[in-house]
Amino acid sequence: MNLIKITDINTKHLEVYKTLRDNAFDDKDSFVADSPKVVNLLLQSDVQVHSILATQEYYDAHQELLNSKNIKSLYVAKKELMQNIVGHKIHHNCMMHGKRPQPTRLEVLGDKIIMLDEISSTENVGSIARSAAALGVNSYLLPKQGPHPYSRRSLRVSMGHIAKLQTHIYEDVFETIEALKEAGYTILAAEITDDSIDLAKLEVPKKWVLLMGHEGKGIAKEILDVCDKTVKIEMVEGIKSFNVSVAASIMMYKLMHS
């Protein structure tokens, strides 16, 4: 490995690590990921890597993995210097600058899809991705106006498992649902309504899309009207809902094991 030693935090080569915070991207579709676990999982995927900024300890521990990739720039710096770059105390010793992969076309997604509608929390986007990857739901549909799955925090919460999923970013929820129905999917909306089916009693279709709504507002009635079924998790009296990422995990498990 040809490591580039960094002693000046103001070098232009490190500007991307300062500017691409959380849900920020540049016109080259760049993103920044951090922590060895996240970076190493991304290195095992097809994600294009521009550079890595890490301590000598990280490079020593993962030399074989790094040698298997063709990475243009490998920057080495002391952990204290890395903290000055990001502007706060860090508990890891590695960051990566990569390029977001091109979204998967809607028509080539798998038979099992988790779809989000107006999710506002980056953490929930990452948490749902991690559960989906663990349960074998490998297709992820997200709205263009929401947090991106390759945002810094989403990647961190997912532990990098977003890279294991086929992701598609949609613009119009109604057009997307209609296209999915025409392709043979049954659209299952996770919502509590008068005619919602108990999750335990649901007959799981061969091709399904599980639609999760906004953390506070849920799924709007006009969207529910174009879905095939509404499904609810049975809960004790007085408890209204789960966190959306917890609910998604429970429902995906049921749908995958029926």
Protein backbone atom coordinates (compact mmCIF):
# COMPACT_ATOMS: atom_id res chain seq x y z
CA MET A 1 0.00 0.00 0.00
CA ASN A 2 1.16 3.50 -0.82
CA LEU A 3 -0.03 5.56 2.12
CA ILE A 4 -0.20 9.35 1.89
CA LYS A 5 0.74 10.88 5.23
CA ILE A 6 -1.43 13.81 6.30
CA THR A 7 -0.12 16.52 8.61
CA ASP A 8 -2.20 19.48 7.41
CA ILE A 9 -5.95 19.23 7.99
CA ASN A 10 -6.61 22.07 5.54
CA THR A 11 -5.40 20.21 2.47
CA LYS A 12 -8.00 20.29 -0.32
CA HIS A 13 -7.90 16.51 -0.65
CA LEU A 14 -9.63 16.22 2.74
CA GLU A 15 -12.30 18.85 2.09
CA VAL A 16 -14.89 16.21 1.29
CA TYR A 17 -14.55 14.72 4.78
CA LYS A 18 -15.38 18.11 6.28
CA THR A 19 -18.29 19.07 4.04
CA LEU A 20 -20.25 15.86 3.46
CA ARG A 21 -22.07 15.66 6.77
CA ASP A 22 -25.09 13.41 7.29
CA ASN A 23 -27.42 13.82 4.28
CA ALA A 24 -25.11 16.03 2.19
CA PHE A 25 -23.82 15.04 -1.26
CA ASP A 26 -21.96 16.83 -4.03
CA ASP A 27 -22.61 16.96 -7.77
CA LYS A 28 -20.44 13.84 -8.23
CA ASP A 29 -22.72 11.71 -6.01
CA SER A 30 -20.03 11.47 -3.37
CA PHE A 31 -20.74 10.21 0.13
CA VAL A 32 -18.67 9.72 3.28
CA ALA A 33 -18.87 6.69 5.55
CA ASP A 34 -17.14 6.16 8.87
CA SER A 35 -16.10 3.40 11.27
CA PRO A 36 -14.13 0.26 10.33
CA LYS A 37 -17.16 -2.05 10.34
CA VAL A 38 -19.09 0.14 7.91
CA VAL A 39 -16.11 0.85 5.67
CA ASN A 40 -15.03 -2.80 5.55
CA LEU A 41 -18.49 -3.97 4.56
CA LEU A 42 -18.61 -1.34 1.81
CA LEU A 43 -15.19 -2.48 0.63
CA GLN A 44 -16.65 -5.95 0.15
CA SER A 45 -19.36 -4.56 -2.15
CA ASP A 46 -19.24 -3.04 -5.64
CA VAL A 47 -19.32 0.52 -4.31
CA GLN A 48 -16.73 2.74 -5.99
CA VAL A 49 -14.19 4.04 -3.45
CA HIS A 50 -12.32 7.30 -4.07
CA SER A 51 -10.23 7.44 -0.90
CA ILE A 52 -9.82 6.30 2.69
CA LEU A 53 -8.68 8.41 5.63
CA ALA A 54 -7.54 6.28 8.56
CA THR A 55 -4.93 5.71 11.20
CA GLN A 56 -1.91 3.46 10.70
CA GLU A 57 -3.55 0.92 13.01
CA TYR A 58 -6.49 0.54 10.63
CA TYR A 59 -4.24 -0.04 7.63
CA ASP A 60 -2.14 -2.58 9.53
CA ALA A 61 -5.23 -4.52 10.63
CA HIS A 62 -6.94 -4.66 7.21
CA GLN A 63 -4.07 -4.79 4.76
CA GLU A 64 -5.34 -7.87 2.89
CA LEU A 65 -8.81 -6.38 2.27
CA LEU A 66 -7.39 -3.06 1.13
CA ASN A 67 -4.92 -4.72 -1.23
CA SER A 68 -7.86 -6.46 -2.94
CA LYS A 69 -9.31 -3.09 -3.98
CA ASN A 70 -8.01 -0.52 -6.42
CA ILE A 71 -8.25 2.63 -4.28
CA LYS A 72 -6.63 5.75 -5.65
CA SER A 73 -5.83 7.55 -2.40
CA LEU A 74 -5.08 6.07 1.02
CA TYR A 75 -4.54 8.85 3.55
CA VAL A 76 -2.99 8.11 6.94
CA ALA A 77 -3.28 10.44 9.91
CA LYS A 78 -3.26 10.37 13.68
CA LYS A 79 -6.65 10.01 15.34
CA GLU A 80 -6.32 13.45 16.94
CA LEU A 81 -5.87 15.02 13.51
CA MET A 82 -8.90 13.15 12.17
CA GLN A 83 -10.97 14.61 15.01
CA ASN A 84 -9.91 18.10 13.96
CA ILE A 85 -11.04 17.32 10.41
CA VAL A 86 -14.55 16.23 11.38
CA GLY A 87 -14.87 18.83 14.14
CA HIS A 88 -15.79 16.53 17.03
CA LYS A 89 -14.50 13.61 19.06
CA ILE A 90 -14.61 10.32 17.19
CA HIS A 91 -14.61 6.77 18.52
CA HIS A 92 -13.34 5.12 15.34
CA ASN A 93 -10.21 5.36 13.25
CA CYS A 94 -11.44 5.18 9.67
CA MET A 95 -13.46 7.15 7.10
CA MET A 96 -14.16 6.50 3.44
CA HIS A 97 -15.06 8.72 0.48
CA GLY A 98 -17.12 6.82 -2.09
CA LYS A 99 -19.61 7.25 -4.91
CA ARG A 100 -23.27 6.37 -4.50
CA PRO A 101 -24.18 3.42 -6.71
CA GLN A 102 -26.75 3.96 -9.43
CA PRO A 103 -30.29 3.16 -8.25
CA THR A 104 -31.73 -0.18 -9.32
CA ARG A 105 -34.51 0.05 -11.92
CA LEU A 106 -37.98 -0.63 -10.55
CA GLU A 107 -38.65 -3.46 -12.98
CA VAL A 108 -35.69 -5.56 -11.84
CA LEU A 109 -36.31 -5.46 -8.08
CA GLY A 110 -36.95 -8.71 -6.24
CA ASP A 111 -40.28 -10.28 -5.27
CA LYS A 112 -40.05 -8.94 -1.70
CA ILE A 113 -39.81 -5.16 -1.30
CA ILE A 114 -39.76 -2.82 1.69
CA MET A 115 -41.02 0.64 0.67
CA LEU A 116 -40.95 3.86 2.68
CA ASP A 117 -43.36 6.78 2.38
CA GLU A 118 -42.30 10.16 3.80
CA ILE A 119 -39.92 8.76 6.41
CA SER A 120 -38.17 11.72 8.02
CA SER A 121 -35.56 10.04 10.25
CA THR A 122 -32.20 9.13 8.76
CA GLU A 123 -31.71 6.66 11.61
CA ASN A 124 -34.92 4.84 10.68
CA VAL A 125 -33.81 4.59 7.05
CA GLY A 126 -30.59 2.93 8.20
CA SER A 127 -32.22 0.73 10.83
CA ILE A 128 -34.83 -0.62 8.38
CA ALA A 129 -32.07 -1.31 5.84
CA ARG A 130 -30.14 -3.34 8.41
CA SER A 131 -33.21 -5.41 9.30
CA ALA A 132 -34.10 -5.92 5.64
CA ALA A 133 -30.62 -7.21 4.86
CA ALA A 134 -30.70 -9.54 7.87
CA LEU A 135 -34.10 -10.97 6.95
CA GLY A 136 -33.41 -11.41 3.23
CA VAL A 137 -35.63 -8.60 1.95
CA ASN A 138 -33.14 -7.32 -0.60
CA SER A 139 -35.13 -4.57 -2.37
CA TYR A 140 -35.52 -1.11 -0.83
CA LEU A 141 -37.80 1.62 -2.22
CA LEU A 142 -37.37 5.14 -0.87
CA PRO A 143 -38.88 8.56 -1.69
CA LYS A 144 -36.70 11.15 -3.40
CA GLN A 145 -37.70 13.82 -0.87
CA GLY A 146 -36.60 11.75 2.15
CA PRO A 147 -33.21 10.89 3.67
CA HIS A 148 -30.91 9.10 1.25
CA PRO A 149 -29.83 5.55 2.20
CA TYR A 150 -26.18 6.46 1.57
CA SER A 151 -26.23 9.43 3.92
CA ARG A 152 -23.53 9.31 6.57
CA ARG A 153 -25.81 8.55 9.50
CA SER A 154 -27.96 6.07 7.61
CA LEU A 155 -24.87 4.13 6.58
CA ARG A 156 -23.62 4.14 10.17
CA VAL A 157 -26.93 2.91 11.63
CA SER A 158 -27.26 0.23 8.95
CA MET A 159 -23.67 -0.85 9.70
CA GLY A 160 -23.09 -0.58 5.94
CA HIS A 161 -25.69 -3.24 5.12
CA ILE A 162 -27.42 -0.86 2.71
CA ALA A 163 -24.75 -1.95 0.25
CA LYS A 164 -26.32 -5.44 0.30
CA LEU A 165 -29.68 -4.11 -0.92
CA GLN A 166 -31.05 -3.13 -4.30
CA THR A 167 -32.27 0.43 -3.79
CA HIS A 168 -34.64 2.44 -5.95
CA ILE A 169 -35.45 6.11 -5.35
CA TYR A 170 -38.95 7.03 -6.54
CA GLU A 171 -40.50 10.45 -7.21
CA ASP A 172 -44.28 9.85 -7.24
CA VAL A 173 -45.77 7.39 -4.77
CA PHE A 174 -48.98 6.86 -6.74
CA GLU A 175 -47.25 6.21 -10.06
CA THR A 176 -44.82 3.86 -8.33
CA ILE A 177 -47.56 1.86 -6.58
CA GLU A 178 -49.49 1.57 -9.84
CA ALA A 179 -46.38 0.31 -11.68
CA LEU A 180 -45.76 -2.25 -8.94
CA LYS A 181 -49.35 -3.49 -9.05
CA GLU A 182 -49.14 -3.87 -12.82
CA ALA A 183 -45.99 -5.95 -12.28
CA GLY A 184 -47.94 -8.37 -10.07
CA TYR A 185 -47.06 -7.14 -6.58
CA THR A 186 -49.57 -7.00 -3.74
CA ILE A 187 -49.19 -3.70 -1.87
CA LEU A 188 -49.44 -4.16 1.89
CA ALA A 189 -49.79 -0.91 3.83
CA ALA A 190 -48.69 -1.00 7.48
CA GLU A 191 -51.47 1.00 9.13
CA ILE A 192 -54.16 0.66 11.79
CA THR A 193 -57.59 1.11 10.21
CA ASP A 194 -61.06 -0.34 10.78
CA ASP A 195 -60.43 -3.02 8.14
CA SER A 196 -56.75 -3.74 8.82
CA ILE A 197 -55.80 -7.42 8.82
CA ASP A 198 -54.01 -8.78 11.88
CA LEU A 199 -50.45 -9.65 10.90
CA ALA A 200 -50.82 -13.16 12.34
CA LYS A 201 -53.83 -13.84 10.08
CA LEU A 202 -52.37 -12.44 6.87
CA GLU A 203 -52.12 -14.77 3.89
CA VAL A 204 -48.76 -13.75 2.42
CA PRO A 205 -48.75 -13.30 -1.37
CA LYS A 206 -45.88 -14.50 -3.56
CA LYS A 207 -44.87 -10.98 -4.63
CA TRP A 208 -45.35 -8.26 -2.05
CA VAL A 209 -44.44 -4.68 -1.20
CA LEU A 210 -44.57 -3.65 2.46
CA LEU A 211 -45.27 0.09 2.67
CA MET A 212 -44.25 1.88 5.87
CA GLY A 213 -45.55 5.37 6.60
CA HIS A 214 -44.35 8.54 8.29
CA GLU A 215 -43.18 8.18 11.90
CA GLY A 216 -45.93 10.46 13.22
CA LYS A 217 -48.61 10.82 10.55
CA GLY A 218 -48.62 7.27 9.22
CA ILE A 219 -49.88 6.67 5.68
CA ALA A 220 -52.29 9.18 4.14
CA LYS A 221 -55.81 7.95 3.30
CA GLU A 222 -55.41 8.66 -0.42
CA ILE A 223 -52.38 6.36 -0.47
CA LEU A 224 -54.16 3.67 1.57
CA ASP A 225 -56.97 3.76 -0.99
CA VAL A 226 -54.64 2.57 -3.77
CA CYS A 227 -53.00 -0.18 -1.69
CA ASP A 228 -54.34 -3.73 -1.81
CA LYS A 229 -54.49 -4.40 1.94
CA THR A 230 -53.76 -2.72 5.24
CA VAL A 231 -52.00 -4.75 7.91
CA LYS A 232 -51.54 -4.14 11.62
CA ILE A 233 -49.49 -5.72 14.39
CA GLU A 234 -51.67 -6.95 17.23
CA MET A 235 -50.89 -4.99 20.40
CA VAL A 236 -52.22 -4.83 23.94
CA GLU A 237 -54.87 -2.24 24.70
CA GLY A 238 -53.53 1.25 25.31
CA ILE A 239 -50.45 0.90 23.09
CA LYS A 240 -50.96 2.64 19.78
CA SER A 241 -47.87 1.80 17.77
CA PHE A 242 -44.28 0.61 17.52
CA ASN A 243 -41.36 2.67 16.30
CA VAL A 244 -41.50 2.42 12.49
CA SER A 245 -38.21 0.53 12.23
CA VAL A 246 -39.33 -1.98 14.88
CA ALA A 247 -42.70 -2.43 13.15
CA ALA A 248 -40.98 -2.92 9.79
CA SER A 249 -38.71 -5.58 11.28
CA ILE A 250 -41.59 -7.52 12.84
CA MET A 251 -43.63 -7.39 9.65
CA MET A 252 -40.74 -8.35 7.38
CA TYR A 253 -40.00 -11.35 9.59
CA LYS A 254 -43.63 -12.51 9.37
CA LEU A 255 -43.76 -12.00 5.59
CA MET A 256 -40.50 -13.89 5.05
CA HIS A 257 -41.48 -16.82 7.30
CA SER A 258 -45.01 -17.67 6.23
